[in-house]
Amino acid sequence: MCLAVPLKLTKIDGNNAVGERDGIRRSIRVDFIPQPRVGDYVISHAGFAIERLSAEQALESIAAAREVEAALAEVRNAR
């Protein structure tokens, strides 16, 4: 299963970019994002940025993902 994840663009070189979340970097393509800029938040799916997000939307999504990750870690540790 593939998930779309919010990333902050930290480097752009043509249509190639680097997106980051919580210190994890991913190489992605930004072909579908008009005028991408370093600092933009995007939703990435299957190696492509598919939508630009506002900082507020991205931070809400990242916070929700962190909650899920923490809950999963709690379940794993309880075993």
PDB file of N, CA and C in Angstrom:
ATOM      1  N   MET A   1       0.836  -1.166   0.000  1.00  0.00           N
ATOM      2  CA  MET A   1       0.000   0.000   0.000  1.00  0.00           C
ATOM      3  C   MET A   1       0.889   1.240   0.000  1.00  0.00           C
ATOM      4  N   CYS A   2       0.498   2.224  -0.789  1.00  0.00           N
ATOM      5  CA  CYS A   2       1.218   3.499  -0.824  1.00  0.00           C
ATOM      6  C   CYS A   2       0.382   4.558  -0.120  1.00  0.00           C
ATOM      7  N   LEU A   3       1.050   5.409   0.616  1.00  0.00           N
ATOM      8  CA  LEU A   3       0.378   6.504   1.297  1.00  0.00           C
ATOM      9  C   LEU A   3       0.911   7.824   0.775  1.00  0.00           C
ATOM     10  N   ALA A   4       0.077   8.819   0.740  1.00  0.00           N
ATOM     11  CA  ALA A   4       0.517  10.168   0.424  1.00  0.00           C
ATOM     12  C   ALA A   4       0.940  10.818   1.738  1.00  0.00           C
ATOM     13  N   VAL A   5       2.094  11.470   1.720  1.00  0.00           N
ATOM     14  CA  VAL A   5       2.614  12.062   2.949  1.00  0.00           C
ATOM     15  C   VAL A   5       2.986  13.522   2.720  1.00  0.00           C
ATOM     16  N   PRO A   6       2.794  14.361   3.734  1.00  0.00           N
ATOM     17  CA  PRO A   6       3.204  15.752   3.612  1.00  0.00           C
ATOM     18  C   PRO A   6       4.713  15.883   3.818  1.00  0.00           C
ATOM     19  N   LEU A   7       5.340  16.663   2.957  1.00  0.00           N
ATOM     20  CA  LEU A   7       6.772  16.926   3.054  1.00  0.00           C
ATOM     21  C   LEU A   7       7.024  18.406   2.820  1.00  0.00           C
ATOM     22  N   LYS A   8       8.091  18.908   3.411  1.00  0.00           N
ATOM     23  CA  LYS A   8       8.523  20.283   3.178  1.00  0.00           C
ATOM     24  C   LYS A   8       9.671  20.242   2.178  1.00  0.00           C
ATOM     25  N   LEU A   9       9.560  21.016   1.096  1.00  0.00           N
ATOM     26  CA  LEU A   9      10.610  21.040   0.095  1.00  0.00           C
ATOM     27  C   LEU A   9      11.843  21.741   0.655  1.00  0.00           C
ATOM     28  N   THR A  10      12.979  21.049   0.591  1.00  0.00           N
ATOM     29  CA  THR A  10      14.227  21.613   1.125  1.00  0.00           C
ATOM     30  C   THR A  10      15.257  21.882   0.039  1.00  0.00           C
ATOM     31  N   LYS A  11      15.049  21.301  -1.138  1.00  0.00           N
ATOM     32  CA  LYS A  11      15.975  21.503  -2.249  1.00  0.00           C
ATOM     33  C   LYS A  11      15.220  21.253  -3.542  1.00  0.00           C
ATOM     34  N   ILE A  12      15.469  22.091  -4.554  1.00  0.00           N
ATOM     35  CA  ILE A  12      14.832  21.919  -5.858  1.00  0.00           C
ATOM     36  C   ILE A  12      15.888  22.098  -6.927  1.00  0.00           C
ATOM     37  N   ASP A  13      15.901  21.170  -7.876  1.00  0.00           N
ATOM     38  CA  ASP A  13      16.800  21.229  -9.026  1.00  0.00           C
ATOM     39  C   ASP A  13      15.997  20.821 -10.253  1.00  0.00           C
ATOM     40  N   GLY A  14      15.455  21.802 -10.950  1.00  0.00           N
ATOM     41  CA  GLY A  14      14.568  21.500 -12.077  1.00  0.00           C
ATOM     42  C   GLY A  14      13.293  20.861 -11.555  1.00  0.00           C
ATOM     43  N   ASN A  15      12.971  19.677 -12.051  1.00  0.00           N
ATOM     44  CA  ASN A  15      11.781  18.954 -11.581  1.00  0.00           C
ATOM     45  C   ASN A  15      12.101  17.945 -10.493  1.00  0.00           C
ATOM     46  N   ASN A  16      13.357  17.886 -10.089  1.00  0.00           N
ATOM     47  CA  ASN A  16      13.773  17.013  -8.982  1.00  0.00           C
ATOM     48  C   ASN A  16      13.835  17.841  -7.712  1.00  0.00           C
ATOM     49  N   ALA A  17      13.396  17.242  -6.624  1.00  0.00           N
ATOM     50  CA  ALA A  17      13.401  17.968  -5.356  1.00  0.00           C
ATOM     51  C   ALA A  17      13.671  16.999  -4.213  1.00  0.00           C
ATOM     52  N   VAL A  18      13.942  17.588  -3.066  1.00  0.00           N
ATOM     53  CA  VAL A  18      14.070  16.826  -1.832  1.00  0.00           C
ATOM     54  C   VAL A  18      13.014  17.359  -0.879  1.00  0.00           C
ATOM     55  N   GLY A  19      12.217  16.434  -0.338  1.00  0.00           N
ATOM     56  CA  GLY A  19      11.217  16.776   0.662  1.00  0.00           C
ATOM     57  C   GLY A  19      11.601  16.135   1.978  1.00  0.00           C
ATOM     58  N   GLU A  20      11.255  16.799   3.082  1.00  0.00           N
ATOM     59  CA  GLU A  20      11.663  16.309   4.398  1.00  0.00           C
ATOM     60  C   GLU A  20      10.510  16.369   5.381  1.00  0.00           C
ATOM     61  N   ARG A  21      10.495  15.377   6.264  1.00  0.00           N
ATOM     62  CA  ARG A  21       9.588  15.370   7.417  1.00  0.00           C
ATOM     63  C   ARG A  21      10.291  14.681   8.565  1.00  0.00           C
ATOM     64  N   ASP A  22      10.413  15.350   9.667  1.00  0.00           N
ATOM     65  CA  ASP A  22      11.019  14.789  10.880  1.00  0.00           C
ATOM     66  C   ASP A  22      12.410  14.220  10.622  1.00  0.00           C
ATOM     67  N   GLY A  23      13.188  14.922   9.802  1.00  0.00           N
ATOM     68  CA  GLY A  23      14.567  14.512   9.537  1.00  0.00           C
ATOM     69  C   GLY A  23      14.718  13.429   8.487  1.00  0.00           C
ATOM     70  N   ILE A  24      13.619  12.920   7.966  1.00  0.00           N
ATOM     71  CA  ILE A  24      13.678  11.913   6.897  1.00  0.00           C
ATOM     72  C   ILE A  24      13.508  12.622   5.571  1.00  0.00           C
ATOM     73  N   ARG A  25      14.467  12.398   4.679  1.00  0.00           N
ATOM     74  CA  ARG A  25      14.454  13.053   3.373  1.00  0.00           C
ATOM     75  C   ARG A  25      14.063  12.062   2.285  1.00  0.00           C
ATOM     76  N   ARG A  26      13.308  12.568   1.329  1.00  0.00           N
ATOM     77  CA  ARG A  26      12.887  11.766   0.180  1.00  0.00           C
ATOM     78  C   ARG A  26      13.147  12.560  -1.098  1.00  0.00           C
ATOM     79  N   SER A  27      13.660  11.874  -2.106  1.00  0.00           N
ATOM     80  CA  SER A  27      13.769  12.480  -3.434  1.00  0.00           C
ATOM     81  C   SER A  27      12.406  12.360  -4.093  1.00  0.00           C
ATOM     82  N   ILE A  28      11.920  13.474  -4.606  1.00  0.00           N
ATOM     83  CA  ILE A  28      10.612  13.479  -5.262  1.00  0.00           C
ATOM     84  C   ILE A  28      10.685  14.329  -6.522  1.00  0.00           C
ATOM     85  N   ARG A  29       9.682  14.173  -7.362  1.00  0.00           N
ATOM     86  CA  ARG A  29       9.535  14.988  -8.561  1.00  0.00           C
ATOM     87  C   ARG A  29       8.462  16.030  -8.288  1.00  0.00           C
ATOM     88  N   VAL A  30       8.637  17.207  -8.869  1.00  0.00           N
ATOM     89  CA  VAL A  30       7.677  18.293  -8.661  1.00  0.00           C
ATOM     90  C   VAL A  30       7.035  18.751  -9.979  1.00  0.00           C
ATOM     91  N   ASP A  31       6.949  17.834 -10.941  1.00  0.00           N
ATOM     92  CA  ASP A  31       6.387  18.147 -12.259  1.00  0.00           C
ATOM     93  C   ASP A  31       4.976  18.732 -12.187  1.00  0.00           C
ATOM     94  N   PHE A  32       4.175  18.295 -11.210  1.00  0.00           N
ATOM     95  CA  PHE A  32       2.770  18.692 -11.141  1.00  0.00           C
ATOM     96  C   PHE A  32       2.520  19.925 -10.273  1.00  0.00           C
ATOM     97  N   ILE A  33       3.574  20.491  -9.693  1.00  0.00           N
ATOM     98  CA  ILE A  33       3.432  21.654  -8.815  1.00  0.00           C
ATOM     99  C   ILE A  33       3.902  22.900  -9.559  1.00  0.00           C
ATOM    100  N   PRO A  34       3.000  23.844  -9.828  1.00  0.00           N
ATOM    101  CA  PRO A  34       3.434  25.059 -10.519  1.00  0.00           C
ATOM    102  C   PRO A  34       4.344  25.902  -9.620  1.00  0.00           C
ATOM    103  N   GLN A  35       5.472  26.288 -10.149  1.00  0.00           N
ATOM    104  CA  GLN A  35       6.438  27.156  -9.463  1.00  0.00           C
ATOM    105  C   GLN A  35       6.744  26.696  -8.033  1.00  0.00           C
ATOM    106  N   PRO A  36       7.248  25.483  -7.871  1.00  0.00           N
ATOM    107  CA  PRO A  36       7.592  25.019  -6.512  1.00  0.00           C
ATOM    108  C   PRO A  36       8.735  25.841  -5.939  1.00  0.00           C
ATOM    109  N   ARG A  37       8.687  26.062  -4.649  1.00  0.00           N
ATOM    110  CA  ARG A  37       9.728  26.837  -3.963  1.00  0.00           C
ATOM    111  C   ARG A  37      10.183  26.093  -2.713  1.00  0.00           C
ATOM    112  N   VAL A  38      11.457  26.244  -2.386  1.00  0.00           N
ATOM    113  CA  VAL A  38      11.967  25.697  -1.130  1.00  0.00           C
ATOM    114  C   VAL A  38      11.141  26.299  -0.005  1.00  0.00           C
ATOM    115  N   GLY A  39      10.720  25.453   0.913  1.00  0.00           N
ATOM    116  CA  GLY A  39       9.875  25.891   2.024  1.00  0.00           C
ATOM    117  C   GLY A  39       8.413  25.562   1.822  1.00  0.00           C
ATOM    118  N   ASP A  40       8.011  25.272   0.561  1.00  0.00           N
ATOM    119  CA  ASP A  40       6.630  24.862   0.313  1.00  0.00           C
ATOM    120  C   ASP A  40       6.379  23.497   0.947  1.00  0.00           C
ATOM    121  N   TYR A  41       5.157  23.281   1.386  1.00  0.00           N
ATOM    122  CA  TYR A  41       4.720  21.958   1.818  1.00  0.00           C
ATOM    123  C   TYR A  41       3.941  21.333   0.677  1.00  0.00           C
ATOM    124  N   VAL A  42       4.170  20.052   0.444  1.00  0.00           N
ATOM    125  CA  VAL A  42       3.475  19.321  -0.607  1.00  0.00           C
ATOM    126  C   VAL A  42       3.033  17.966  -0.078  1.00  0.00           C
ATOM    127  N   ILE A  43       2.047  17.392  -0.763  1.00  0.00           N
ATOM    128  CA  ILE A  43       1.679  15.998  -0.527  1.00  0.00           C
ATOM    129  C   ILE A  43       2.443  15.190  -1.561  1.00  0.00           C
ATOM    130  N   SER A  44       3.161  14.183  -1.108  1.00  0.00           N
ATOM    131  CA  SER A  44       3.944  13.326  -1.994  1.00  0.00           C
ATOM    132  C   SER A  44       3.324  11.936  -2.031  1.00  0.00           C
ATOM    133  N   HIS A  45       3.201  11.414  -3.245  1.00  0.00           N
ATOM    134  CA  HIS A  45       2.674  10.059  -3.434  1.00  0.00           C
ATOM    135  C   HIS A  45       3.465   9.391  -4.549  1.00  0.00           C
ATOM    136  N   ALA A  46       4.017   8.228  -4.252  1.00  0.00           N
ATOM    137  CA  ALA A  46       4.754   7.432  -5.242  1.00  0.00           C
ATOM    138  C   ALA A  46       5.883   8.228  -5.893  1.00  0.00           C
ATOM    139  N   GLY A  47       6.531   9.078  -5.090  1.00  0.00           N
ATOM    140  CA  GLY A  47       7.688   9.814  -5.588  1.00  0.00           C
ATOM    141  C   GLY A  47       7.380  11.107  -6.302  1.00  0.00           C
ATOM    142  N   PHE A  48       6.111  11.505  -6.326  1.00  0.00           N
ATOM    143  CA  PHE A  48       5.716  12.751  -6.977  1.00  0.00           C
ATOM    144  C   PHE A  48       4.983  13.654  -5.996  1.00  0.00           C
ATOM    145  N   ALA A  49       5.299  14.939  -6.028  1.00  0.00           N
ATOM    146  CA  ALA A  49       4.507  15.923  -5.294  1.00  0.00           C
ATOM    147  C   ALA A  49       3.234  16.122  -6.107  1.00  0.00           C
ATOM    148  N   ILE A  50       2.098  15.874  -5.492  1.00  0.00           N
ATOM    149  CA  ILE A  50       0.843  15.930  -6.236  1.00  0.00           C
ATOM    150  C   ILE A  50      -0.034  17.123  -5.871  1.00  0.00           C
ATOM    151  N   GLU A  51       0.304  17.801  -4.771  1.00  0.00           N
ATOM    152  CA  GLU A  51      -0.493  18.951  -4.363  1.00  0.00           C
ATOM    153  C   GLU A  51       0.302  19.801  -3.387  1.00  0.00           C
ATOM    154  N   ARG A  52       0.166  21.107  -3.498  1.00  0.00           N
ATOM    155  CA  ARG A  52       0.767  22.035  -2.535  1.00  0.00           C
ATOM    156  C   ARG A  52      -0.207  22.196  -1.375  1.00  0.00           C
ATOM    157  N   LEU A  53       0.334  22.275  -0.161  1.00  0.00           N
ATOM    158  CA  LEU A  53      -0.471  22.472   1.043  1.00  0.00           C
ATOM    159  C   LEU A  53      -0.090  23.788   1.711  1.00  0.00           C
ATOM    160  N   SER A  54      -1.033  24.346   2.443  1.00  0.00           N
ATOM    161  CA  SER A  54      -0.680  25.472   3.303  1.00  0.00           C
ATOM    162  C   SER A  54       0.126  24.916   4.470  1.00  0.00           C
ATOM    163  N   ALA A  55       0.890  25.754   5.114  1.00  0.00           N
ATOM    164  CA  ALA A  55       1.662  25.312   6.285  1.00  0.00           C
ATOM    165  C   ALA A  55       0.722  24.757   7.343  1.00  0.00           C
ATOM    166  N   GLU A  56      -0.435  25.386   7.522  1.00  0.00           N
ATOM    167  CA  GLU A  56      -1.397  24.935   8.524  1.00  0.00           C
ATOM    168  C   GLU A  56      -1.902  23.523   8.206  1.00  0.00           C
ATOM    169  N   GLN A  57      -2.283  23.275   6.947  1.00  0.00           N
ATOM    170  CA  GLN A  57      -2.751  21.945   6.552  1.00  0.00           C
ATOM    171  C   GLN A  57      -1.658  20.905   6.767  1.00  0.00           C
ATOM    172  N   ALA A  58      -0.443  21.231   6.335  1.00  0.00           N
ATOM    173  CA  ALA A  58       0.664  20.283   6.446  1.00  0.00           C
ATOM    174  C   ALA A  58       0.962  19.962   7.902  1.00  0.00           C
ATOM    175  N   LEU A  59       1.016  20.974   8.751  1.00  0.00           N
ATOM    176  CA  LEU A  59       1.348  20.745  10.151  1.00  0.00           C
ATOM    177  C   LEU A  59       0.261  19.941  10.866  1.00  0.00           C
ATOM    178  N   GLU A  60      -0.996  20.138  10.478  1.00  0.00           N
ATOM    179  CA  GLU A  60      -2.081  19.331  11.040  1.00  0.00           C
ATOM    180  C   GLU A  60      -1.924  17.870  10.633  1.00  0.00           C
ATOM    181  N   SER A  61      -1.606  17.635   9.361  1.00  0.00           N
ATOM    182  CA  SER A  61      -1.416  16.265   8.872  1.00  0.00           C
ATOM    183  C   SER A  61      -0.220  15.599   9.540  1.00  0.00           C
ATOM    184  N   ILE A  62       0.856  16.352   9.698  1.00  0.00           N
ATOM    185  CA  ILE A  62       2.054  15.813  10.342  1.00  0.00           C
ATOM    186  C   ILE A  62       1.763  15.480  11.805  1.00  0.00           C
ATOM    187  N   ALA A  63       1.032  16.336  12.488  1.00  0.00           N
ATOM    188  CA  ALA A  63       0.676  16.068  13.885  1.00  0.00           C
ATOM    189  C   ALA A  63      -0.191  14.814  13.985  1.00  0.00           C
ATOM    190  N   ALA A  64      -1.135  14.641  13.064  1.00  0.00           N
ATOM    191  CA  ALA A  64      -1.986  13.446  13.080  1.00  0.00           C
ATOM    192  C   ALA A  64      -1.154  12.193  12.825  1.00  0.00           C
ATOM    193  N   ALA A  65      -0.217  12.271  11.890  1.00  0.00           N
ATOM    194  CA  ALA A  65       0.650  11.120  11.602  1.00  0.00           C
ATOM    195  C   ALA A  65       1.500  10.777  12.821  1.00  0.00           C
ATOM    196  N   ARG A  66       1.994  11.780  13.512  1.00  0.00           N
ATOM    197  CA  ARG A  66       2.789  11.526  14.725  1.00  0.00           C
ATOM    198  C   ARG A  66       1.954  10.827  15.794  1.00  0.00           C
ATOM    199  N   GLU A  67       0.684  11.215  15.927  1.00  0.00           N
ATOM    200  CA  GLU A  67      -0.192  10.558  16.902  1.00  0.00           C
ATOM    201  C   GLU A  67      -0.371   9.080  16.566  1.00  0.00           C
ATOM    202  N   VAL A  68      -0.582   8.789  15.289  1.00  0.00           N
ATOM    203  CA  VAL A  68      -0.742   7.397  14.865  1.00  0.00           C
ATOM    204  C   VAL A  68       0.539   6.624  15.126  1.00  0.00           C
ATOM    205  N   GLU A  69       1.679   7.213  14.771  1.00  0.00           N
ATOM    206  CA  GLU A  69       2.966   6.548  14.996  1.00  0.00           C
ATOM    207  C   GLU A  69       3.196   6.272  16.484  1.00  0.00           C
ATOM    208  N   ALA A  70       2.840   7.220  17.333  1.00  0.00           N
ATOM    209  CA  ALA A  70       3.011   7.031  18.775  1.00  0.00           C
ATOM    210  C   ALA A  70       2.102   5.913  19.285  1.00  0.00           C
ATOM    211  N   ALA A  71       0.865   5.870  18.795  1.00  0.00           N
ATOM    212  CA  ALA A  71      -0.061   4.814  19.213  1.00  0.00           C
ATOM    213  C   ALA A  71       0.444   3.446  18.763  1.00  0.00           C
ATOM    214  N   LEU A  72       0.968   3.360  17.546  1.00  0.00           N
ATOM    215  CA  LEU A  72       1.505   2.089  17.057  1.00  0.00           C
ATOM    216  C   LEU A  72       2.719   1.657  17.877  1.00  0.00           C
ATOM    217  N   ALA A  73       3.575   2.593  18.241  1.00  0.00           N
ATOM    218  CA  ALA A  73       4.737   2.277  19.052  1.00  0.00           C
ATOM    219  C   ALA A  73       4.303   1.779  20.424  1.00  0.00           C
ATOM    220  N   GLU A  74       3.258   2.386  20.962  1.00  0.00           N
ATOM    221  CA  GLU A  74       2.733   1.957  22.267  1.00  0.00           C
ATOM    222  C   GLU A  74       2.221   0.516  22.208  1.00  0.00           C
ATOM    223  N   VAL A  75       1.528   0.184  21.145  1.00  0.00           N
ATOM    224  CA  VAL A  75       1.024  -1.185  20.967  1.00  0.00           C
ATOM    225  C   VAL A  75       2.190  -2.158  20.837  1.00  0.00           C
ATOM    226  N   ARG A  76       3.195  -1.806  20.048  1.00  0.00           N
ATOM    227  CA  ARG A  76       4.356  -2.677  19.871  1.00  0.00           C
ATOM    228  C   ARG A  76       5.077  -2.899  21.189  1.00  0.00           C
ATOM    229  N   ASN A  77       5.221  -1.859  21.981  1.00  0.00           N
ATOM    230  CA  ASN A  77       5.926  -1.953  23.253  1.00  0.00           C
ATOM    231  C   ASN A  77       5.147  -2.735  24.307  1.00  0.00           C
ATOM    232  N   ALA A  78       3.840  -2.816  24.147  1.00  0.00           N
ATOM    233  CA  ALA A  78       3.009  -3.527  25.100  1.00  0.00           C
ATOM    234  C   ALA A  78       3.058  -5.044  24.896  1.00  0.00           C
ATOM    235  N   ARG A  79       3.596  -5.457  23.787  1.00  0.00           N
ATOM    236  CA  ARG A  79       3.653  -6.904  23.489  1.00  0.00           C
ATOM    237  C   ARG A  79       4.699  -7.598  24.262  1.00  0.00           C
TER     238      ARG A  79
END
